[in-house]
């Protein structure tokens, strides 16, 4: 089963996206900020990452830069 990581600070957005992906038979993992998203990726690489661009702390752009800096996720 394909694994999707959704990173968003909005619980309602997480819920809707989780429903959509699960209805298409994806395994969904969620995170509420960039730091948590990086932690989830370090535990197990997803096949797809969906992220919000505007989040407190680490925004989506900083999150993506950190992913590009890591050899296993670049």
C-alpha atoms as a PDB file:
ATOM      1  CA  UNK A   1       0.000   0.000   0.000  1.00  0.00           C
ATOM      2  CA  UNK A   2       1.319   3.457  -0.906  1.00  0.00           C
ATOM      3  CA  UNK A   3       2.052   5.756   2.042  1.00  0.00           C
ATOM      4  CA  UNK A   4       1.174   9.477   2.103  1.00  0.00           C
ATOM      5  CA  UNK A   5       2.388  12.003   4.662  1.00  0.00           C
ATOM      6  CA  UNK A   6       0.150  15.046   5.065  1.00  0.00           C
ATOM      7  CA  UNK A   7       1.652  18.000   6.945  1.00  0.00           C
ATOM      8  CA  UNK A   8      -0.796  20.751   7.880  1.00  0.00           C
ATOM      9  CA  UNK A   9      -1.575  22.760  11.002  1.00  0.00           C
ATOM     10  CA  UNK A  10      -5.332  22.772  10.320  1.00  0.00           C
ATOM     11  CA  UNK A  11      -7.164  19.777  11.826  1.00  0.00           C
ATOM     12  CA  UNK A  12     -10.051  20.151   9.361  1.00  0.00           C
ATOM     13  CA  UNK A  13      -7.706  20.132   6.341  1.00  0.00           C
ATOM     14  CA  UNK A  14      -5.902  17.075   7.729  1.00  0.00           C
ATOM     15  CA  UNK A  15      -9.228  15.306   8.206  1.00  0.00           C
ATOM     16  CA  UNK A  16     -10.488  16.058   4.685  1.00  0.00           C
ATOM     17  CA  UNK A  17      -7.209  15.098   2.986  1.00  0.00           C
ATOM     18  CA  UNK A  18      -6.933  11.949   5.070  1.00  0.00           C
ATOM     19  CA  UNK A  19     -10.452  10.932   4.037  1.00  0.00           C
ATOM     20  CA  UNK A  20      -9.724  11.594   0.347  1.00  0.00           C
ATOM     21  CA  UNK A  21      -6.479   9.609   0.285  1.00  0.00           C
ATOM     22  CA  UNK A  22      -7.823   6.740   2.384  1.00  0.00           C
ATOM     23  CA  UNK A  23     -10.836   6.451   0.075  1.00  0.00           C
ATOM     24  CA  UNK A  24      -8.292   5.838  -2.705  1.00  0.00           C
ATOM     25  CA  UNK A  25      -6.608   3.126  -0.594  1.00  0.00           C
ATOM     26  CA  UNK A  26      -3.527   5.028   0.548  1.00  0.00           C
ATOM     27  CA  UNK A  27      -2.037   4.579   3.997  1.00  0.00           C
ATOM     28  CA  UNK A  28      -2.119   8.077   5.497  1.00  0.00           C
ATOM     29  CA  UNK A  29       0.219   9.497   8.133  1.00  0.00           C
ATOM     30  CA  UNK A  30      -0.355  13.031   9.408  1.00  0.00           C
ATOM     31  CA  UNK A  31       1.763  15.705  11.065  1.00  0.00           C
ATOM     32  CA  UNK A  32       0.716  19.103  12.392  1.00  0.00           C
ATOM     33  CA  UNK A  33       3.953  20.972  11.659  1.00  0.00           C
ATOM     34  CA  UNK A  34       7.213  20.688   9.750  1.00  0.00           C
ATOM     35  CA  UNK A  35       9.235  19.332  12.669  1.00  0.00           C
ATOM     36  CA  UNK A  36       6.740  16.532  13.269  1.00  0.00           C
ATOM     37  CA  UNK A  37       6.698  15.852   9.528  1.00  0.00           C
ATOM     38  CA  UNK A  38      10.473  15.417   9.494  1.00  0.00           C
ATOM     39  CA  UNK A  39      10.217  13.053  12.469  1.00  0.00           C
ATOM     40  CA  UNK A  40       7.598  10.930  10.680  1.00  0.00           C
ATOM     41  CA  UNK A  41       9.788  10.807   7.558  1.00  0.00           C
ATOM     42  CA  UNK A  42      12.781   9.673   9.620  1.00  0.00           C
ATOM     43  CA  UNK A  43      10.674   6.792  10.973  1.00  0.00           C
ATOM     44  CA  UNK A  44       9.550   5.636   7.524  1.00  0.00           C
ATOM     45  CA  UNK A  45       9.771   7.267   4.098  1.00  0.00           C
ATOM     46  CA  UNK A  46       6.422   8.046   2.484  1.00  0.00           C
ATOM     47  CA  UNK A  47       5.740   7.669  -1.217  1.00  0.00           C
ATOM     48  CA  UNK A  48       4.177  11.142  -1.328  1.00  0.00           C
ATOM     49  CA  UNK A  49       4.274  14.245   0.877  1.00  0.00           C
ATOM     50  CA  UNK A  50       1.522  16.870   0.856  1.00  0.00           C
ATOM     51  CA  UNK A  51       2.288  19.994   2.873  1.00  0.00           C
ATOM     52  CA  UNK A  52       0.760  23.336   3.692  1.00  0.00           C
ATOM     53  CA  UNK A  53       2.954  26.316   2.854  1.00  0.00           C
ATOM     54  CA  UNK A  54       1.819  28.508   5.780  1.00  0.00           C
ATOM     55  CA  UNK A  55       2.370  26.917   9.194  1.00  0.00           C
ATOM     56  CA  UNK A  56       3.699  28.253  12.493  1.00  0.00           C
ATOM     57  CA  UNK A  57       7.309  27.449  13.322  1.00  0.00           C
ATOM     58  CA  UNK A  58       8.654  25.713  10.237  1.00  0.00           C
ATOM     59  CA  UNK A  59       6.600  26.665   7.188  1.00  0.00           C
ATOM     60  CA  UNK A  60       6.137  24.370   4.216  1.00  0.00           C
ATOM     61  CA  UNK A  61       8.966  25.967   2.250  1.00  0.00           C
ATOM     62  CA  UNK A  62      11.504  25.431   5.056  1.00  0.00           C
ATOM     63  CA  UNK A  63      10.178  21.884   5.452  1.00  0.00           C
ATOM     64  CA  UNK A  64      10.795  21.167   1.759  1.00  0.00           C
ATOM     65  CA  UNK A  65      14.279  22.708   1.892  1.00  0.00           C
ATOM     66  CA  UNK A  66      15.158  20.361   4.757  1.00  0.00           C
ATOM     67  CA  UNK A  67      13.875  17.410   2.719  1.00  0.00           C
ATOM     68  CA  UNK A  68      16.015  18.466  -0.259  1.00  0.00           C
ATOM     69  CA  UNK A  69      19.079  18.724   2.002  1.00  0.00           C
ATOM     70  CA  UNK A  70      18.796  15.086   3.118  1.00  0.00           C
ATOM     71  CA  UNK A  71      20.220  12.508   0.664  1.00  0.00           C
ATOM     72  CA  UNK A  72      17.467   9.974   1.372  1.00  0.00           C
ATOM     73  CA  UNK A  73      14.693  12.473   0.553  1.00  0.00           C
ATOM     74  CA  UNK A  74      16.306  14.760  -2.001  1.00  0.00           C
END
